[in-house]
Every structure is written in structure tokens, then in C-alpha cells.
Amino acid sequence: MEDTILSDMTAAGTTTRPMHTVHTELPGTGPDRETLLDLILKSLDDDGATDVVDIDLQGKSSEADTMVIASGRSTRHVGAISEKLLDRLKQHSGVRPHAEGLEAADWVLIDAGDVIVHVFRPEVREFYQLEKMWMQAPDITARASAQA
């Protein structure tokens, strides 16, 4: 099955959306949201990601059910965390999720279906403050993991 996804956010908050085609699993054949979220959180923890936050988006966004935001210490660390997560997701589902930003590795976005993952360098994360924006929305809750 093919899904068309939209990507790329500009600093002004508007979106430029080049179209990308991603092969995804048939509905009901992939891991459930909790299993996927557990896999992602474990991968981030294993690779030393810090300040990991997951935000429940169910009923708030048609793009995903959960957003995970994490930090790496440097561009090299952000890239390594992201590549390992992509590899683990592919091993688990047989499909490599779509990722944006791996080249610069300041901010990597991984579309894992029901879960969207953002891995930032700390300075970039502070500038965009995604969790603050999403956590201010009504009925959005976040669970922060213990810092590594």
C-alpha cells in the first residue's frame, strides 16, 4: 500500500510540503500503537537520547496518535539515534519508515505511522519548542521519561 505524506516545516511556522510516497503496511497488520511506542522509547533510551517526552495526539491530529520528542547531544548523536531507530523499526515491521533531516541531523523527523518521532539537538529543540506548542492544546498530556 502507498501513502502520500507531507513534510518540511519552515522556521516561520508555515509548511512547505513536497510530496513523498512511502510504502506502509496494510491496516491492522503492523504493530499496535503501544507496541510501537514501547519499541521507540526503548530504542531512544538504549542510544542515550535525553529529555524524551511522548505526547498523546489521539483525537487531536489525523497524522498520528502519538508524538515523541527527544534530544541528542550533537549532530552526530542525533544522526546515530535516528539511524538506529530506523533500523530497529525496519527489523520489527519489515518497512523502513520515512525520515527527514538525516543529512544535517539538527532535527530528524521519523514518520513511523501511528507515532511521529522528532530527534533534536538541544539548541534546535529549544528554538522550536514543539512540546510546549502541543502540550498547550486542550486534553494533550505528556509523560516525560527520566533523564539519562
N, C-alpha and C. Protein backbone atom coordinates (compact mmCIF):
# COMPACT_ATOMS: atom_id res chain seq x y z
N MET A 1 0.85 -1.16 0.00
CA MET A 1 0.00 0.00 0.00
C MET A 1 0.90 1.23 0.00
N GLU A 2 0.52 2.29 -0.69
CA GLU A 2 1.28 3.52 -0.71
C GLU A 2 0.50 4.62 -0.06
N ASP A 3 1.17 5.40 0.77
CA ASP A 3 0.58 6.59 1.37
C ASP A 3 1.38 7.79 0.93
N THR A 4 0.73 8.89 0.71
CA THR A 4 1.43 10.12 0.40
C THR A 4 1.51 10.91 1.69
N ILE A 5 2.74 11.31 2.05
CA ILE A 5 2.89 12.08 3.26
C ILE A 5 3.40 13.47 2.92
N LEU A 6 3.22 14.38 3.86
CA LEU A 6 3.64 15.75 3.68
C LEU A 6 4.74 16.04 4.68
N SER A 7 5.71 16.88 4.27
CA SER A 7 6.82 17.11 5.18
C SER A 7 7.37 18.51 5.04
N ASP A 8 8.34 18.82 5.90
CA ASP A 8 9.12 20.05 5.92
C ASP A 8 8.38 21.23 6.52
N MET A 9 8.87 21.69 7.64
CA MET A 9 8.31 22.89 8.25
C MET A 9 9.34 24.00 8.15
N THR A 10 8.92 25.20 7.89
CA THR A 10 9.83 26.33 7.86
C THR A 10 9.86 26.99 9.22
N ALA A 11 10.88 27.81 9.45
CA ALA A 11 11.03 28.46 10.76
C ALA A 11 9.86 29.38 11.06
N ALA A 12 9.19 29.89 10.04
CA ALA A 12 8.07 30.80 10.27
C ALA A 12 6.81 30.08 10.71
N GLY A 13 6.84 28.75 10.71
CA GLY A 13 5.68 28.00 11.16
C GLY A 13 4.74 27.63 10.03
N THR A 14 5.01 28.12 8.84
CA THR A 14 4.20 27.70 7.70
C THR A 14 4.82 26.42 7.15
N THR A 15 4.08 25.72 6.35
CA THR A 15 4.63 24.47 5.85
C THR A 15 4.85 24.55 4.35
N THR A 16 5.97 24.01 3.96
CA THR A 16 6.24 23.75 2.56
C THR A 16 6.11 22.25 2.46
N ARG A 17 5.32 21.76 1.58
CA ARG A 17 5.01 20.34 1.64
C ARG A 17 5.30 19.61 0.34
N PRO A 18 6.56 19.23 0.14
CA PRO A 18 6.83 18.38 -1.01
C PRO A 18 6.21 17.01 -0.77
N MET A 19 5.74 16.38 -1.80
CA MET A 19 5.07 15.10 -1.66
C MET A 19 6.10 13.97 -1.69
N HIS A 20 5.93 13.01 -0.81
CA HIS A 20 6.77 11.82 -0.76
C HIS A 20 5.85 10.62 -0.73
N THR A 21 6.25 9.56 -1.38
CA THR A 21 5.47 8.33 -1.33
C THR A 21 6.20 7.34 -0.44
N VAL A 22 5.49 6.77 0.49
CA VAL A 22 6.05 5.83 1.44
C VAL A 22 5.23 4.55 1.39
N HIS A 23 5.90 3.42 1.36
CA HIS A 23 5.20 2.14 1.41
C HIS A 23 4.94 1.80 2.87
N THR A 24 3.70 1.55 3.20
CA THR A 24 3.34 1.22 4.58
C THR A 24 2.62 -0.11 4.59
N GLU A 25 2.45 -0.64 5.77
CA GLU A 25 1.77 -1.91 5.92
C GLU A 25 0.27 -1.73 5.75
N LEU A 26 -0.41 -2.80 5.45
CA LEU A 26 -1.85 -2.76 5.36
C LEU A 26 -2.44 -2.49 6.73
N PRO A 27 -3.56 -1.81 6.80
CA PRO A 27 -4.17 -1.55 8.11
C PRO A 27 -4.38 -2.84 8.89
N GLY A 28 -4.03 -2.79 10.17
CA GLY A 28 -4.24 -3.95 11.02
C GLY A 28 -3.13 -4.98 10.98
N THR A 29 -2.11 -4.79 10.11
CA THR A 29 -1.05 -5.78 10.02
C THR A 29 0.20 -5.37 10.78
N GLY A 30 0.34 -4.09 11.11
CA GLY A 30 1.52 -3.61 11.81
C GLY A 30 1.35 -3.71 13.31
N PRO A 31 2.41 -3.30 14.03
CA PRO A 31 2.31 -3.33 15.48
C PRO A 31 1.29 -2.31 15.97
N ASP A 32 0.64 -2.61 17.10
CA ASP A 32 -0.30 -1.64 17.64
C ASP A 32 0.48 -0.45 18.19
N ARG A 33 -0.22 0.62 18.46
CA ARG A 33 0.41 1.87 18.88
C ARG A 33 1.27 1.70 20.12
N GLU A 34 0.78 0.98 21.11
CA GLU A 34 1.54 0.80 22.36
C GLU A 34 2.82 0.01 22.12
N THR A 35 2.75 -1.04 21.30
CA THR A 35 3.93 -1.83 20.99
C THR A 35 4.95 -0.98 20.24
N LEU A 36 4.48 -0.22 19.27
CA LEU A 36 5.34 0.66 18.50
C LEU A 36 5.97 1.72 19.40
N LEU A 37 5.17 2.33 20.27
CA LEU A 37 5.67 3.35 21.18
C LEU A 37 6.71 2.75 22.13
N ASP A 38 6.46 1.57 22.66
CA ASP A 38 7.43 0.92 23.55
C ASP A 38 8.75 0.67 22.83
N LEU A 39 8.68 0.19 21.59
CA LEU A 39 9.88 -0.06 20.79
C LEU A 39 10.67 1.24 20.59
N ILE A 40 9.98 2.31 20.25
CA ILE A 40 10.62 3.60 20.02
C ILE A 40 11.26 4.13 21.30
N LEU A 41 10.52 4.11 22.40
CA LEU A 41 11.05 4.61 23.67
C LEU A 41 12.25 3.80 24.14
N LYS A 42 12.21 2.49 23.96
CA LYS A 42 13.35 1.64 24.35
C LYS A 42 14.55 1.95 23.48
N SER A 43 14.35 2.11 22.18
CA SER A 43 15.45 2.43 21.28
C SER A 43 16.10 3.76 21.67
N LEU A 44 15.28 4.77 21.92
CA LEU A 44 15.81 6.08 22.30
C LEU A 44 16.60 5.98 23.61
N ASP A 45 16.07 5.23 24.57
CA ASP A 45 16.75 5.06 25.85
C ASP A 45 18.07 4.31 25.67
N ASP A 46 18.05 3.23 24.89
CA ASP A 46 19.26 2.43 24.66
C ASP A 46 20.37 3.25 24.03
N ASP A 47 20.02 4.23 23.21
CA ASP A 47 21.02 5.01 22.49
C ASP A 47 21.34 6.35 23.15
N GLY A 48 20.87 6.54 24.37
CA GLY A 48 21.27 7.71 25.14
C GLY A 48 20.55 9.00 24.82
N ALA A 49 19.37 8.92 24.21
CA ALA A 49 18.58 10.14 23.97
C ALA A 49 18.18 10.72 25.33
N THR A 50 18.09 12.03 25.40
CA THR A 50 17.74 12.69 26.66
C THR A 50 16.43 13.46 26.49
N ASP A 51 15.85 13.81 27.64
CA ASP A 51 14.63 14.61 27.68
C ASP A 51 13.55 14.05 26.76
N VAL A 52 13.30 12.75 26.84
CA VAL A 52 12.32 12.09 25.99
C VAL A 52 10.92 12.36 26.54
N VAL A 53 10.06 12.85 25.65
CA VAL A 53 8.67 13.15 26.00
C VAL A 53 7.78 12.51 24.95
N ASP A 54 6.71 11.85 25.38
CA ASP A 54 5.72 11.39 24.41
C ASP A 54 4.41 12.10 24.70
N ILE A 55 3.76 12.53 23.63
CA ILE A 55 2.54 13.32 23.72
C ILE A 55 1.42 12.58 23.01
N ASP A 56 0.33 12.35 23.72
CA ASP A 56 -0.83 11.65 23.16
C ASP A 56 -1.59 12.61 22.23
N LEU A 57 -1.70 12.24 20.97
CA LEU A 57 -2.39 13.06 19.98
C LEU A 57 -3.73 12.46 19.55
N GLN A 58 -4.15 11.37 20.19
CA GLN A 58 -5.40 10.72 19.77
C GLN A 58 -6.55 11.72 19.85
N GLY A 59 -7.27 11.84 18.75
CA GLY A 59 -8.39 12.76 18.68
C GLY A 59 -7.97 14.21 18.43
N LYS A 60 -6.68 14.47 18.37
CA LYS A 60 -6.19 15.83 18.16
C LYS A 60 -5.54 16.02 16.80
N SER A 61 -5.08 14.95 16.19
CA SER A 61 -4.38 15.02 14.92
C SER A 61 -4.73 13.82 14.06
N SER A 62 -4.90 14.05 12.79
CA SER A 62 -5.16 12.94 11.88
C SER A 62 -3.86 12.33 11.37
N GLU A 63 -2.73 12.95 11.66
CA GLU A 63 -1.43 12.48 11.17
C GLU A 63 -0.85 11.33 11.99
N ALA A 64 -1.08 11.35 13.30
CA ALA A 64 -0.51 10.33 14.19
C ALA A 64 -1.29 10.31 15.50
N ASP A 65 -1.10 9.22 16.25
CA ASP A 65 -1.73 9.11 17.57
C ASP A 65 -0.81 9.58 18.69
N THR A 66 0.51 9.55 18.42
CA THR A 66 1.49 9.92 19.44
C THR A 66 2.65 10.65 18.78
N MET A 67 3.17 11.65 19.48
CA MET A 67 4.38 12.34 19.05
C MET A 67 5.43 12.12 20.14
N VAL A 68 6.62 11.71 19.72
CA VAL A 68 7.73 11.54 20.65
C VAL A 68 8.78 12.58 20.29
N ILE A 69 9.27 13.27 21.32
CA ILE A 69 10.30 14.28 21.13
C ILE A 69 11.48 13.91 22.03
N ALA A 70 12.69 13.93 21.45
CA ALA A 70 13.89 13.56 22.20
C ALA A 70 15.06 14.43 21.75
N SER A 71 16.10 14.45 22.55
CA SER A 71 17.31 15.21 22.21
C SER A 71 18.52 14.30 22.17
N GLY A 72 19.44 14.68 21.30
CA GLY A 72 20.77 14.08 21.25
C GLY A 72 21.76 15.16 21.62
N ARG A 73 22.98 14.78 21.97
CA ARG A 73 23.97 15.75 22.44
C ARG A 73 24.60 16.57 21.33
N SER A 74 24.63 16.04 20.11
CA SER A 74 25.31 16.69 18.98
C SER A 74 24.67 16.21 17.69
N THR A 75 25.07 16.80 16.57
CA THR A 75 24.54 16.33 15.29
C THR A 75 24.89 14.86 15.06
N ARG A 76 26.08 14.49 15.43
CA ARG A 76 26.49 13.09 15.26
C ARG A 76 25.61 12.16 16.11
N HIS A 77 25.31 12.56 17.35
CA HIS A 77 24.48 11.75 18.23
C HIS A 77 23.04 11.69 17.72
N VAL A 78 22.49 12.83 17.27
CA VAL A 78 21.14 12.87 16.70
C VAL A 78 21.05 11.93 15.50
N GLY A 79 22.05 11.98 14.62
CA GLY A 79 22.07 11.10 13.45
C GLY A 79 22.13 9.63 13.83
N ALA A 80 22.98 9.30 14.82
CA ALA A 80 23.13 7.90 15.25
C ALA A 80 21.86 7.38 15.91
N ILE A 81 21.26 8.18 16.78
CA ILE A 81 20.00 7.79 17.43
C ILE A 81 18.94 7.50 16.37
N SER A 82 18.85 8.40 15.39
CA SER A 82 17.82 8.28 14.34
C SER A 82 18.06 7.07 13.45
N GLU A 83 19.29 6.86 13.02
CA GLU A 83 19.60 5.71 12.16
C GLU A 83 19.31 4.39 12.87
N LYS A 84 19.70 4.30 14.14
CA LYS A 84 19.45 3.06 14.89
C LYS A 84 17.95 2.84 15.06
N LEU A 85 17.21 3.91 15.33
CA LEU A 85 15.76 3.78 15.46
C LEU A 85 15.15 3.31 14.14
N LEU A 86 15.57 3.89 13.04
CA LEU A 86 15.07 3.47 11.72
C LEU A 86 15.37 1.99 11.47
N ASP A 87 16.59 1.55 11.82
CA ASP A 87 16.96 0.15 11.63
C ASP A 87 16.09 -0.78 12.49
N ARG A 88 15.86 -0.39 13.74
CA ARG A 88 15.04 -1.22 14.63
C ARG A 88 13.59 -1.27 14.17
N LEU A 89 13.07 -0.16 13.70
CA LEU A 89 11.70 -0.15 13.19
C LEU A 89 11.59 -1.03 11.95
N LYS A 90 12.60 -1.00 11.09
CA LYS A 90 12.58 -1.84 9.90
C LYS A 90 12.65 -3.32 10.28
N GLN A 91 13.51 -3.65 11.25
CA GLN A 91 13.61 -5.04 11.71
C GLN A 91 12.28 -5.52 12.28
N HIS A 92 11.60 -4.65 12.98
CA HIS A 92 10.35 -5.02 13.63
C HIS A 92 9.20 -5.16 12.65
N SER A 93 9.13 -4.23 11.66
CA SER A 93 7.97 -4.21 10.76
C SER A 93 8.28 -4.65 9.34
N GLY A 94 9.55 -4.69 8.97
CA GLY A 94 9.91 -5.03 7.60
C GLY A 94 9.87 -3.84 6.66
N VAL A 95 9.50 -2.67 7.17
CA VAL A 95 9.40 -1.46 6.35
C VAL A 95 10.22 -0.36 7.02
N ARG A 96 11.08 0.30 6.26
CA ARG A 96 11.85 1.41 6.81
C ARG A 96 10.98 2.67 6.76
N PRO A 97 10.70 3.27 7.92
CA PRO A 97 9.87 4.49 7.94
C PRO A 97 10.56 5.64 7.21
N HIS A 98 9.76 6.60 6.80
CA HIS A 98 10.29 7.78 6.14
C HIS A 98 10.94 8.70 7.17
N ALA A 99 12.08 9.28 6.81
CA ALA A 99 12.77 10.21 7.71
C ALA A 99 13.18 11.45 6.94
N GLU A 100 13.13 12.57 7.60
CA GLU A 100 13.57 13.86 7.06
C GLU A 100 14.64 14.42 7.97
N GLY A 101 15.66 15.04 7.40
CA GLY A 101 16.65 15.77 8.17
C GLY A 101 17.88 14.99 8.57
N LEU A 102 18.05 13.77 8.07
CA LEU A 102 19.22 12.98 8.45
C LEU A 102 20.53 13.59 7.96
N GLU A 103 20.50 14.29 6.86
CA GLU A 103 21.72 14.86 6.30
C GLU A 103 22.34 15.88 7.26
N ALA A 104 21.54 16.81 7.75
CA ALA A 104 22.05 17.84 8.67
C ALA A 104 22.06 17.34 10.11
N ALA A 105 21.10 16.51 10.47
CA ALA A 105 20.97 15.91 11.80
C ALA A 105 20.87 16.94 12.92
N ASP A 106 20.28 18.10 12.63
CA ASP A 106 19.94 19.05 13.68
C ASP A 106 18.57 18.70 14.24
N TRP A 107 17.69 18.26 13.34
CA TRP A 107 16.31 17.88 13.68
C TRP A 107 15.91 16.78 12.71
N VAL A 108 15.72 15.60 13.21
CA VAL A 108 15.31 14.48 12.37
C VAL A 108 13.87 14.13 12.72
N LEU A 109 13.04 14.05 11.69
CA LEU A 109 11.64 13.66 11.85
C LEU A 109 11.48 12.28 11.26
N ILE A 110 10.91 11.37 12.04
CA ILE A 110 10.67 9.99 11.59
C ILE A 110 9.18 9.72 11.65
N ASP A 111 8.62 9.36 10.51
CA ASP A 111 7.19 9.03 10.42
C ASP A 111 7.06 7.52 10.54
N ALA A 112 6.69 7.06 11.73
CA ALA A 112 6.55 5.62 11.98
C ALA A 112 5.08 5.22 11.99
N GLY A 113 4.25 5.95 11.26
CA GLY A 113 2.83 5.61 11.18
C GLY A 113 2.05 6.24 12.31
N ASP A 114 1.65 5.43 13.29
CA ASP A 114 0.88 5.94 14.42
C ASP A 114 1.70 6.82 15.35
N VAL A 115 3.03 6.76 15.22
CA VAL A 115 3.92 7.54 16.07
C VAL A 115 4.86 8.37 15.21
N ILE A 116 4.91 9.67 15.48
CA ILE A 116 5.85 10.57 14.83
C ILE A 116 6.96 10.86 15.83
N VAL A 117 8.22 10.75 15.40
CA VAL A 117 9.35 10.97 16.30
C VAL A 117 10.17 12.16 15.80
N HIS A 118 10.50 13.05 16.73
CA HIS A 118 11.39 14.18 16.45
C HIS A 118 12.62 14.00 17.33
N VAL A 119 13.80 14.01 16.72
CA VAL A 119 15.05 13.95 17.47
C VAL A 119 15.81 15.23 17.15
N PHE A 120 16.12 16.00 18.18
CA PHE A 120 16.71 17.33 18.03
C PHE A 120 18.09 17.42 18.69
N ARG A 121 18.89 18.36 18.21
CA ARG A 121 19.98 18.90 19.02
C ARG A 121 19.31 19.82 20.03
N PRO A 122 19.83 19.93 21.25
CA PRO A 122 19.15 20.71 22.29
C PRO A 122 18.84 22.16 21.89
N GLU A 123 19.75 22.82 21.19
CA GLU A 123 19.53 24.22 20.80
C GLU A 123 18.38 24.35 19.81
N VAL A 124 18.29 23.41 18.91
CA VAL A 124 17.22 23.43 17.90
C VAL A 124 15.88 23.13 18.57
N ARG A 125 15.89 22.18 19.49
CA ARG A 125 14.66 21.84 20.22
C ARG A 125 14.16 23.04 21.01
N GLU A 126 15.06 23.74 21.67
CA GLU A 126 14.68 24.92 22.45
C GLU A 126 14.09 26.00 21.53
N PHE A 127 14.64 26.16 20.34
CA PHE A 127 14.16 27.17 19.41
C PHE A 127 12.72 26.87 18.96
N TYR A 128 12.44 25.63 18.57
CA TYR A 128 11.11 25.29 18.04
C TYR A 128 10.07 25.00 19.12
N GLN A 129 10.46 24.49 20.25
CA GLN A 129 9.58 24.23 21.38
C GLN A 129 8.29 23.49 20.99
N LEU A 130 8.43 22.40 20.25
CA LEU A 130 7.26 21.63 19.80
C LEU A 130 6.41 21.12 20.94
N GLU A 131 7.05 20.59 21.98
CA GLU A 131 6.24 20.03 23.06
C GLU A 131 5.43 21.10 23.76
N LYS A 132 5.97 22.28 23.87
CA LYS A 132 5.23 23.37 24.51
C LYS A 132 3.98 23.71 23.68
N MET A 133 4.14 23.74 22.38
CA MET A 133 3.01 24.03 21.49
C MET A 133 1.93 22.95 21.61
N TRP A 134 2.32 21.68 21.58
CA TRP A 134 1.34 20.59 21.62
C TRP A 134 0.77 20.39 23.01
N MET A 135 1.56 20.65 24.04
CA MET A 135 1.08 20.44 25.40
C MET A 135 0.13 21.54 25.83
N GLN A 136 0.13 22.68 25.14
CA GLN A 136 -0.80 23.76 25.46
C GLN A 136 -2.18 23.49 24.90
N ALA A 137 -2.27 22.58 23.95
CA ALA A 137 -3.57 22.25 23.37
C ALA A 137 -4.41 21.53 24.43
N PRO A 138 -5.72 21.73 24.43
CA PRO A 138 -6.59 21.07 25.41
C PRO A 138 -6.50 19.55 25.32
N ASP A 139 -6.53 18.90 26.46
CA ASP A 139 -6.57 17.46 26.59
C ASP A 139 -5.31 16.74 26.08
N ILE A 140 -4.24 17.45 25.85
CA ILE A 140 -3.00 16.81 25.46
C ILE A 140 -2.19 16.57 26.74
N THR A 141 -1.75 15.35 26.93
CA THR A 141 -0.94 15.05 28.10
C THR A 141 0.40 14.53 27.64
N ALA A 142 1.39 14.71 28.44
CA ALA A 142 2.72 14.21 28.11
C ALA A 142 3.30 13.49 29.30
N ARG A 143 4.05 12.48 28.99
CA ARG A 143 4.77 11.76 30.04
C ARG A 143 6.25 11.95 29.74
N ALA A 144 6.94 12.57 30.64
CA ALA A 144 8.38 12.77 30.46
C ALA A 144 9.13 11.60 31.08
N SER A 145 10.07 11.08 30.33
CA SER A 145 10.86 9.99 30.88
C SER A 145 11.99 10.57 31.73
N ALA A 146 12.54 9.75 32.56
CA ALA A 146 13.65 10.20 33.39
C ALA A 146 14.84 10.52 32.49
N GLN A 147 15.54 11.57 32.81
CA GLN A 147 16.70 11.96 32.01
C GLN A 147 17.80 10.93 32.18
N ALA A 148 18.50 10.72 31.09
CA ALA A 148 19.60 9.74 31.13
C ALA A 148 20.82 10.36 31.75
